Amino acid sequence: MSETAMESARKVQALTPFAAILPPVLPLDQVSRPAWDDLVASSIEPNAFYAPSYALPAFGLSKTRALVAHAGQMLIGLLPVASGWSVLRLPLPVLVAHQPYSPLTVPLLSDAHAEAAAGALIDAAAASGARVLSLPLMMLEGPAYAALSAAMAQRGIVPTIHNRYQRAAQDATQGAETYLRNGLGSKRLKDFRRLRNRLDEEGAVSFTVHTDRADVVAALDRFLVLEALGWKGAGGTGLGQSDNDACFVRAAATAGAFEIAELMLDERLIASGIIMRQGDRAFFFKIAYDETLSRYSPGVQLTLELTRLFAADPTLKLVDSTADAGHPMIDHVWRERLALGDLLIPTHPNDPIAAAIIKLMAFRRGLRSRLKTLWLRIKTFKENRT
């Protein structure tokens, strides 16, 4: 171990005198719930997908454990992880930050001990035998990334970043109408108003956000039905496509993980969105809309209503779309961009085994991408022949 790493270890040990009696890796459901709730409230950067209301129901779908960091007996860091085999089907000493349907892997770090917490999570991964800690979908900017970067520098660790991309976000501190006009342009915004007026002619249009847990559970059932009728249902990728997934998402709704926004035409649901909140940030998790009414752009209409809702909330600063890069709808409505990527952290400095693992992971990702492209070409060819 380098002198820098040894000094860092001494600092963390001094900060955490009771850490030896607290295991660094736990089954997620064995993490103290009060301590976890306190960490969520004090995190230096929000991640609603690592709040217990979402993570504990998700735990039932996977073999997730938690890397944990303590200052004394206070929980100051948490990162749900799974083995490289269970996530990547690679029999390698890798821990992957992973949970079902989680589009963000920013660890929970106490704002008072962020750097020490980040370092302790890396040390916990090393203590478990992992040579690489992988954070796919990690935010590559902001205070959590800065804390991880400082902790890695203290240990002489040089990370690798794969698959950099950007996804859309809304600056919720700006007035909605000016924001939408600047993003969409006056003409397109006018076109969407015209479509909304035409929709109003079809019946009474209402926009509602459900926050009461019983109402959210009922709205979730409507969401799952609507989603199953669309392209996600046809492709088998909807939240309710399997009994296990539907059970998980209903449990998360019951636990208070979600708000659900609905756009109704009379008594008919035409668009629905699942929203999550933590601190000064919201997350636009999922959207479903009635594809038979695509001429009115119901998904966009719901997003416009949500944009106004978020802009009017003084507690919010940013809304993460959680969308893929280059999303054909949200990228045109929300113009801020969040930098993300797969952050690969060797748990020891200058480790040739970690370097080989990271190269293998890059090869695997590239091979999967090429096979997916080939499969799509074959599928398109077959469809064109019929």
Foldseek 3Di string as FASTA:
>chain_A
DDPLQVVLVVVLCVQAVPVVVPQQKFAPVPPDLVLLVVLLQQFQDHFLCPRCLQQVLQSVVFRWMWGWGDRHNRTFKIFIWDACCRPVVDPALEIERDTPLGLEGQIRGGPVCLLSGLLSSLVSSVVVVHQKYKYFNYFCDGDNNVSNVVSCVSQQWDKDWPDKFKAFKAQLQDAQVVLQCVQQNPVVVVVLVVLVVVLVVQAPKDKDKAQPLVVQLVVVVVQQVQQLVDPCVVVLNGQPSDPSSVSSVSSSSNSRQWMKMFIDGVPHTAKMWTKGDGFQEIEGRDMGGRPVVCVSVVVLVNVSVVSNVSSPDPRHGMYHDSDDHPPVRRCRRGPDITIGTMIMIGSHHPDVSSVVVVVVVVVSVVVVVVVVVVVVVVVVVVVVVD
